[in-house]
Amino acid sequence: MQHFSLLDLSPIPEGGTAADALANTKDLARAAESAGYHRYWLAEHHNMPGIASAATPLVIAQVAAATTTMRVGAGGIMLPNHAPLVVAEQFGTLATLYPGRIDLGLGRAPGTDMATARALRRHMAPEDSFPQDVQELIGYFGDPDEAATVRAIPGAGTHVPVWILGSSLYGAQLAAYLGLPYAFASHFAPAMLEEALATYRATFRPSQHLDRPHVMIAAGVCAAPTDDEAAYLRSSQMLAFARLRTGRPGKLPHPVRDVAQDIPPAVMAQVEQALSVSATGSPETIERQLAAIIDTHRPDELMVTGMIHDPAARIRSFEIAAKVLNGLRHATQAA
């Protein structure tokens, strides 16, 4: 494992506002940089009462301005919602403002419900143009060509690194075909993790972007001084996920002592399966759990994420995780 990174959805807590969430993101980003995280990614979600990162490039700009060395990017931009040229201009501008620090992860899902997707796109194209859109977008970041009819300005010549995100074989196959780095959304959709990584690694074609496969997987993390406190803090995310699965999305709930009383058994089984690639507990406990994830999947990078209601506890959780991951990173490099 070469690096460890952080994914933040700017959660809006019960009793708080989107302004609180964005301020918390800025505070967390500063703490993450101090703790040694390599990347800080934000994700595009729309019409979600508990997520404040809908205008993802704007939040990336806020985080990049609040930090100095850490890479900042999108994990990801949902490309079907946008014209490739617009994304190229946005991220070309970010790369011009913060050279050498901007990443662009691209997803194929809408990141929302279908009614909102229609509102975003204005029209719903029946064909899947994602592979062509990815290549068009990458082309806008290439060396400037004054003869080109359409150029991204800013954007041309920035060579913003592009990642393919996914939770199925589709993204793995496309990333391998294009010779791009691949990030798997195992923090909420781990079912096809092993098969997707095997497919990507087996079929990867070297490219001008990358000479060998580069995999990042995501894992949930909720760390605290004790196992009991960590389980209590994690209940917020479990409740939020259960409510989303049952059609009742909302702000990030307050934690509860006995989360099983609030989630029906059938829904709890779905939640536990979806969030199974995770580590929850004291520093010693999460070290064992994260080491098992790394040993099993051998990622080049591990990205951690976690929804905790109290912003101070969230910062502390990621600081504990950083100390653990730094030790595991050194251990894997020495092995």
Protein backbone atom coordinates (compact mmCIF):
# COMPACT_ATOMS: atom_id res chain seq x y z
CA MET A 1 0.00 0.00 0.00
CA GLN A 2 1.58 3.25 -1.17
CA HIS A 3 -0.88 5.79 0.22
CA PHE A 4 -3.95 6.22 2.39
CA SER A 5 -6.60 8.82 1.62
CA LEU A 6 -9.95 10.17 2.78
CA LEU A 7 -13.40 10.42 1.19
CA ASP A 8 -15.75 13.06 2.62
CA LEU A 9 -19.42 13.52 1.67
CA SER A 10 -19.83 16.69 3.77
CA PRO A 11 -22.57 15.12 5.92
CA ILE A 12 -25.28 17.44 7.19
CA PRO A 13 -26.01 16.41 10.80
CA GLU A 14 -29.41 16.45 12.44
CA GLY A 15 -29.68 19.81 14.18
CA GLY A 16 -27.21 21.35 11.73
CA THR A 17 -27.22 22.99 8.32
CA ALA A 18 -25.41 22.70 5.01
CA ALA A 19 -23.28 25.65 6.11
CA ASP A 20 -22.25 23.65 9.19
CA ALA A 21 -21.39 20.66 7.00
CA LEU A 22 -19.19 22.69 4.66
CA ALA A 23 -17.40 24.34 7.59
CA ASN A 24 -16.85 20.89 9.10
CA THR A 25 -15.39 19.70 5.79
CA LYS A 26 -12.87 22.53 5.82
CA ASP A 27 -11.86 21.69 9.40
CA LEU A 28 -11.56 18.00 8.61
CA ALA A 29 -9.46 18.70 5.52
CA ARG A 30 -6.95 20.70 7.53
CA ALA A 31 -6.77 17.92 10.13
CA ALA A 32 -6.42 15.27 7.41
CA GLU A 33 -3.49 17.09 5.84
CA SER A 34 -1.76 17.33 9.22
CA ALA A 35 -2.42 13.63 9.84
CA GLY A 36 -0.75 12.57 6.59
CA TYR A 37 -3.61 11.70 4.26
CA HIS A 38 -2.48 11.70 0.62
CA ARG A 39 -5.79 12.61 -1.06
CA TYR A 40 -9.01 14.22 0.06
CA TRP A 41 -11.90 13.41 -2.25
CA LEU A 42 -15.49 14.66 -2.34
CA ALA A 43 -18.43 13.04 -4.08
CA GLU A 44 -21.30 14.30 -6.21
CA HIS A 45 -24.75 13.50 -4.82
CA HIS A 46 -27.95 15.40 -5.59
CA ASN A 47 -31.26 15.89 -3.79
CA MET A 48 -29.84 14.28 -0.63
CA PRO A 49 -30.91 16.05 2.60
CA GLY A 50 -27.84 14.74 4.44
CA ILE A 51 -25.06 15.51 1.92
CA ALA A 52 -23.70 18.99 1.16
CA SER A 53 -21.19 18.16 -1.60
CA ALA A 54 -23.58 18.41 -4.58
CA ALA A 55 -21.59 21.23 -6.24
CA THR A 56 -18.46 19.11 -5.95
CA PRO A 57 -15.96 21.35 -7.83
CA LEU A 58 -16.86 24.28 -5.56
CA VAL A 59 -16.26 22.24 -2.42
CA ILE A 60 -12.99 20.93 -3.87
CA ALA A 61 -11.92 24.54 -4.37
CA GLN A 62 -12.77 25.31 -0.74
CA VAL A 63 -10.72 22.34 0.50
CA ALA A 64 -7.78 23.10 -1.78
CA ALA A 65 -7.73 26.70 -0.56
CA ALA A 66 -7.77 25.56 3.07
CA THR A 67 -4.82 23.17 2.60
CA THR A 68 -1.39 23.40 1.02
CA THR A 69 0.07 20.02 0.02
CA MET A 70 -2.61 17.33 0.07
CA ARG A 71 -4.13 16.23 -3.25
CA VAL A 72 -7.81 17.16 -3.54
CA GLY A 73 -10.33 15.79 -5.98
CA ALA A 74 -13.61 14.18 -6.90
CA GLY A 75 -14.57 10.68 -5.96
CA GLY A 76 -16.42 11.30 -8.07
CA ILE A 77 -18.02 13.43 -10.68
CA MET A 78 -21.01 11.61 -12.19
CA LEU A 79 -20.19 12.18 -15.83
CA PRO A 80 -23.64 11.34 -17.29
CA ASN A 81 -24.90 14.49 -15.54
CA HIS A 82 -22.48 16.81 -17.34
CA ALA A 83 -21.03 17.74 -20.70
CA PRO A 84 -17.36 16.66 -20.80
CA LEU A 85 -16.27 20.15 -21.83
CA VAL A 86 -17.88 21.71 -18.74
CA VAL A 87 -16.11 19.23 -16.45
CA ALA A 88 -12.83 19.87 -18.27
CA GLU A 89 -13.20 23.63 -17.78
CA GLN A 90 -14.07 23.22 -14.10
CA PHE A 91 -11.21 20.88 -13.28
CA GLY A 92 -8.84 22.68 -15.63
CA THR A 93 -9.56 25.82 -13.62
CA LEU A 94 -8.96 23.95 -10.35
CA ALA A 95 -5.69 22.53 -11.69
CA THR A 96 -4.62 26.00 -12.81
CA LEU A 97 -5.37 27.46 -9.38
CA TYR A 98 -3.84 24.52 -7.48
CA PRO A 99 -1.27 22.95 -9.84
CA GLY A 100 -0.22 19.38 -9.16
CA ARG A 101 -2.91 18.83 -6.53
CA ILE A 102 -6.18 18.06 -8.35
CA ASP A 103 -7.65 14.60 -9.13
CA LEU A 104 -10.74 13.74 -11.15
CA GLY A 105 -12.58 10.51 -10.46
CA LEU A 106 -15.42 9.73 -12.87
CA GLY A 107 -18.53 7.68 -12.18
CA ARG A 108 -21.21 6.34 -14.48
CA ALA A 109 -24.22 6.50 -12.12
CA PRO A 110 -26.37 9.62 -11.78
CA GLY A 111 -25.73 9.93 -8.04
CA THR A 112 -29.41 10.55 -7.36
CA ASP A 113 -32.97 9.44 -8.14
CA MET A 114 -34.27 9.42 -11.70
CA ALA A 115 -36.49 12.48 -11.31
CA THR A 116 -33.51 14.50 -10.14
CA ALA A 117 -31.38 13.03 -12.92
CA ARG A 118 -33.87 14.34 -15.43
CA ALA A 119 -33.74 17.76 -13.80
CA LEU A 120 -29.95 17.72 -14.06
CA ARG A 121 -29.70 16.59 -17.65
CA ARG A 122 -32.90 18.05 -19.13
CA HIS A 123 -33.01 15.06 -21.46
CA MET A 124 -32.34 11.36 -20.95
CA ALA A 125 -30.23 9.83 -23.72
CA PRO A 126 -31.02 6.13 -24.19
CA GLU A 127 -27.47 5.20 -25.23
CA ASP A 128 -24.53 4.78 -22.86
CA SER A 129 -21.89 7.29 -23.97
CA PHE A 130 -19.74 7.03 -20.85
CA PRO A 131 -16.63 5.53 -22.54
CA GLN A 132 -16.71 8.14 -25.29
CA ASP A 133 -17.33 10.94 -22.80
CA VAL A 134 -14.35 9.83 -20.68
CA GLN A 135 -12.04 9.88 -23.69
CA GLU A 136 -13.38 13.24 -24.85
CA LEU A 137 -12.79 14.69 -21.39
CA ILE A 138 -9.24 13.34 -21.18
CA GLY A 139 -8.55 14.84 -24.57
CA TYR A 140 -9.43 18.32 -23.30
CA PHE A 141 -6.69 17.99 -20.64
CA GLY A 142 -4.03 17.08 -23.24
CA ASP A 143 -1.35 19.27 -24.77
CA PRO A 144 -2.79 22.48 -26.26
CA ASP A 145 -3.80 22.21 -29.90
CA GLU A 146 -4.54 25.61 -31.42
CA ALA A 147 -6.03 23.91 -34.47
CA ALA A 148 -8.72 22.18 -32.37
CA THR A 149 -12.23 23.45 -32.97
CA VAL A 150 -13.18 23.09 -29.30
CA ARG A 151 -10.74 23.60 -26.42
CA ALA A 152 -11.03 23.71 -22.65
CA ILE A 153 -9.63 27.02 -21.44
CA PRO A 154 -8.47 26.62 -18.71
CA GLY A 155 -7.92 22.88 -19.05
CA ALA A 156 -5.71 22.26 -22.06
CA GLY A 157 -2.25 21.21 -20.98
CA THR A 158 -3.19 20.60 -17.33
CA HIS A 159 -3.15 16.79 -17.68
CA VAL A 160 -5.45 16.36 -14.69
CA PRO A 161 -5.18 12.71 -13.55
CA VAL A 162 -8.42 10.86 -14.35
CA TRP A 163 -9.63 7.83 -12.38
CA ILE A 164 -12.47 5.47 -13.22
CA LEU A 165 -14.75 4.73 -10.29
CA GLY A 166 -17.01 1.74 -10.04
CA SER A 167 -18.77 -0.96 -8.06
CA SER A 168 -19.14 -3.53 -10.85
CA LEU A 169 -17.15 -5.13 -13.65
CA TYR A 170 -18.05 -2.35 -16.10
CA GLY A 171 -15.75 0.24 -14.55
CA ALA A 172 -13.00 -2.30 -14.03
CA GLN A 173 -13.07 -3.29 -17.70
CA LEU A 174 -13.13 0.31 -18.91
CA ALA A 175 -10.30 1.41 -16.62
CA ALA A 176 -8.20 -1.54 -17.76
CA TYR A 177 -8.94 -0.87 -21.45
CA LEU A 178 -8.03 2.82 -21.19
CA GLY A 179 -5.02 2.22 -18.94
CA LEU A 180 -6.37 4.39 -16.12
CA PRO A 181 -6.25 4.02 -12.34
CA TYR A 182 -9.31 2.35 -10.82
CA ALA A 183 -11.13 3.06 -7.55
CA PHE A 184 -13.72 0.61 -6.23
CA ALA A 185 -16.64 1.77 -4.06
CA SER A 186 -16.30 -1.05 -1.55
CA HIS A 187 -17.30 1.23 1.32
CA PHE A 188 -20.97 0.80 0.37
CA ALA A 189 -21.13 -1.76 -2.49
CA PRO A 190 -18.56 -4.51 -1.85
CA ALA A 191 -20.31 -7.44 -3.52
CA MET A 192 -18.15 -7.54 -6.66
CA LEU A 193 -14.90 -6.24 -5.15
CA GLU A 194 -12.75 -9.33 -5.64
CA GLU A 195 -14.00 -10.05 -9.17
CA ALA A 196 -13.64 -6.42 -10.28
CA LEU A 197 -10.06 -6.14 -8.99
CA ALA A 198 -9.11 -9.43 -10.63
CA THR A 199 -10.64 -8.31 -13.94
CA TYR A 200 -8.90 -4.94 -13.85
CA ARG A 201 -5.51 -6.40 -13.02
CA ALA A 202 -5.75 -9.23 -15.55
CA THR A 203 -6.90 -7.11 -18.50
CA PHE A 204 -5.02 -3.86 -17.86
CA ARG A 205 -3.37 -2.30 -20.93
CA PRO A 206 -0.44 0.08 -20.32
CA SER A 207 -1.07 3.60 -21.57
CA GLN A 208 0.46 7.06 -21.62
CA HIS A 209 -1.25 7.60 -18.28
CA LEU A 210 -0.14 4.49 -16.43
CA ASP A 211 2.29 1.66 -17.11
CA ARG A 212 0.76 -0.89 -14.72
CA PRO A 213 -2.51 -1.36 -12.79
CA HIS A 214 -3.18 0.99 -9.91
CA VAL A 215 -6.04 0.13 -7.58
CA MET A 216 -7.65 2.07 -4.79
CA ILE A 217 -10.36 0.53 -2.63
CA ALA A 218 -12.57 2.33 -0.12
CA ALA A 219 -13.35 1.23 3.42
CA GLY A 220 -15.49 2.63 6.18
CA VAL A 221 -13.75 3.57 9.39
CA CYS A 222 -15.05 4.64 12.78
CA ALA A 223 -12.35 4.85 15.42
CA ALA A 224 -12.50 5.95 19.04
CA PRO A 225 -10.55 5.26 22.24
CA THR A 226 -12.78 2.23 22.96
CA ASP A 227 -14.74 -0.31 20.94
CA ASP A 228 -17.97 0.68 22.68
CA GLU A 229 -17.63 4.36 21.84
CA ALA A 230 -16.77 3.59 18.23
CA ALA A 231 -19.85 1.36 17.87
CA TYR A 232 -21.99 4.12 19.36
CA LEU A 233 -20.60 6.74 16.96
CA ARG A 234 -21.04 4.43 13.95
CA SER A 235 -24.75 4.02 14.67
CA SER A 236 -25.39 7.36 12.95
CA GLN A 237 -24.12 6.04 9.62
CA MET A 238 -26.00 2.77 10.01
CA LEU A 239 -29.24 4.62 10.70
CA ALA A 240 -28.69 6.95 7.76
CA PHE A 241 -27.99 4.04 5.42
CA ALA A 242 -31.04 2.11 6.64
CA ARG A 243 -33.29 5.12 6.13
CA LEU A 244 -31.90 5.65 2.63
CA ARG A 245 -32.51 2.01 1.76
CA THR A 246 -36.11 2.26 2.94
CA GLY A 247 -36.84 5.45 1.02
CA ARG A 248 -36.50 7.88 3.93
CA PRO A 249 -33.28 9.82 3.33
CA GLY A 250 -32.53 12.60 5.77
CA LYS A 251 -29.83 14.37 7.71
CA LEU A 252 -27.17 12.33 9.52
CA PRO A 253 -28.93 11.06 12.67
CA HIS A 254 -27.76 11.44 16.23
CA PRO A 255 -26.06 8.24 17.46
CA VAL A 256 -27.98 5.71 19.56
CA ARG A 257 -26.87 3.09 22.05
CA ASP A 258 -28.84 0.16 20.60
CA VAL A 259 -29.06 0.65 16.87
CA ALA A 260 -30.72 -2.74 16.37
CA GLN A 261 -33.86 -1.39 18.04
CA ASP A 262 -34.20 1.26 15.32
CA ILE A 263 -33.52 -0.93 12.26
CA PRO A 264 -35.66 -3.98 11.33
CA PRO A 265 -33.64 -7.23 11.08
CA ALA A 266 -34.08 -7.60 7.31
CA VAL A 267 -32.88 -4.05 6.72
CA MET A 268 -30.05 -4.48 9.21
CA ALA A 269 -28.80 -7.46 7.20
CA GLN A 270 -28.67 -5.27 4.10
CA VAL A 271 -26.86 -2.50 5.99
CA GLU A 272 -24.29 -4.85 7.47
CA GLN A 273 -23.58 -6.41 4.07
CA ALA A 274 -23.27 -3.05 2.33
CA LEU A 275 -20.95 -1.66 5.02
CA SER A 276 -18.98 -4.87 5.55
CA VAL A 277 -15.68 -3.50 4.21
CA SER A 278 -15.03 -1.39 7.26
CA ALA A 279 -13.19 -1.07 10.54
CA THR A 280 -14.85 -0.01 13.77
CA GLY A 281 -13.33 0.18 17.23
CA SER A 282 -10.31 1.18 19.26
CA PRO A 283 -6.93 1.74 17.62
CA GLU A 284 -5.98 -1.89 18.26
CA THR A 285 -9.25 -3.18 16.85
CA ILE A 286 -9.20 -1.13 13.67
CA GLU A 287 -5.56 -2.05 13.09
CA ARG A 288 -6.53 -5.73 12.93
CA GLN A 289 -9.52 -5.04 10.71
CA LEU A 290 -7.74 -2.71 8.30
CA ALA A 291 -4.75 -5.06 8.09
CA ALA A 292 -7.11 -7.87 7.07
CA ILE A 293 -8.65 -5.72 4.33
CA ILE A 294 -5.22 -4.77 3.01
CA ASP A 295 -3.89 -8.33 3.18
CA THR A 296 -6.93 -9.69 1.34
CA HIS A 297 -7.17 -7.16 -1.50
CA ARG A 298 -3.63 -5.75 -1.79
CA PRO A 299 -4.65 -2.23 -2.86
CA ASP A 300 -2.10 0.29 -4.04
CA GLU A 301 -4.08 2.83 -2.02
CA LEU A 302 -6.75 2.64 0.65
CA MET A 303 -9.34 5.39 0.95
CA VAL A 304 -11.30 5.58 4.20
CA THR A 305 -14.59 7.28 4.90
CA GLY A 306 -16.99 7.60 7.78
CA MET A 307 -20.13 9.50 8.76
CA ILE A 308 -19.99 10.61 12.39
CA HIS A 309 -22.49 13.10 13.80
CA ASP A 310 -20.12 15.01 16.09
CA PRO A 311 -17.50 16.83 13.96
CA ALA A 312 -14.87 16.69 16.71
CA ALA A 313 -15.34 12.93 17.06
CA ARG A 314 -15.12 12.59 13.27
CA ILE A 315 -11.78 14.41 13.20
CA ARG A 316 -10.51 12.27 16.07
CA SER A 317 -11.63 9.09 14.26
CA PHE A 318 -9.67 9.98 11.12
CA GLU A 319 -6.64 11.00 13.16
CA ILE A 320 -6.65 7.61 14.91
CA ALA A 321 -7.08 5.89 11.56
CA ALA A 322 -4.17 7.85 10.06
CA LYS A 323 -1.78 6.67 12.78
CA VAL A 324 -2.87 3.08 12.23
CA LEU A 325 -2.71 3.32 8.44
CA ASN A 326 0.70 4.94 8.49
CA GLY A 327 2.02 1.98 10.45
CA LEU A 328 0.35 -0.50 8.10
CA ARG A 329 1.70 1.37 5.07
CA HIS A 330 5.25 1.07 6.36
CA ALA A 331 4.67 -2.59 7.17
CA THR A 332 3.40 -3.42 3.68
CA GLN A 333 6.25 -1.53 2.02
CA ALA A 334 8.81 -3.36 4.13
CA ALA A 335 7.28 -6.77 3.42
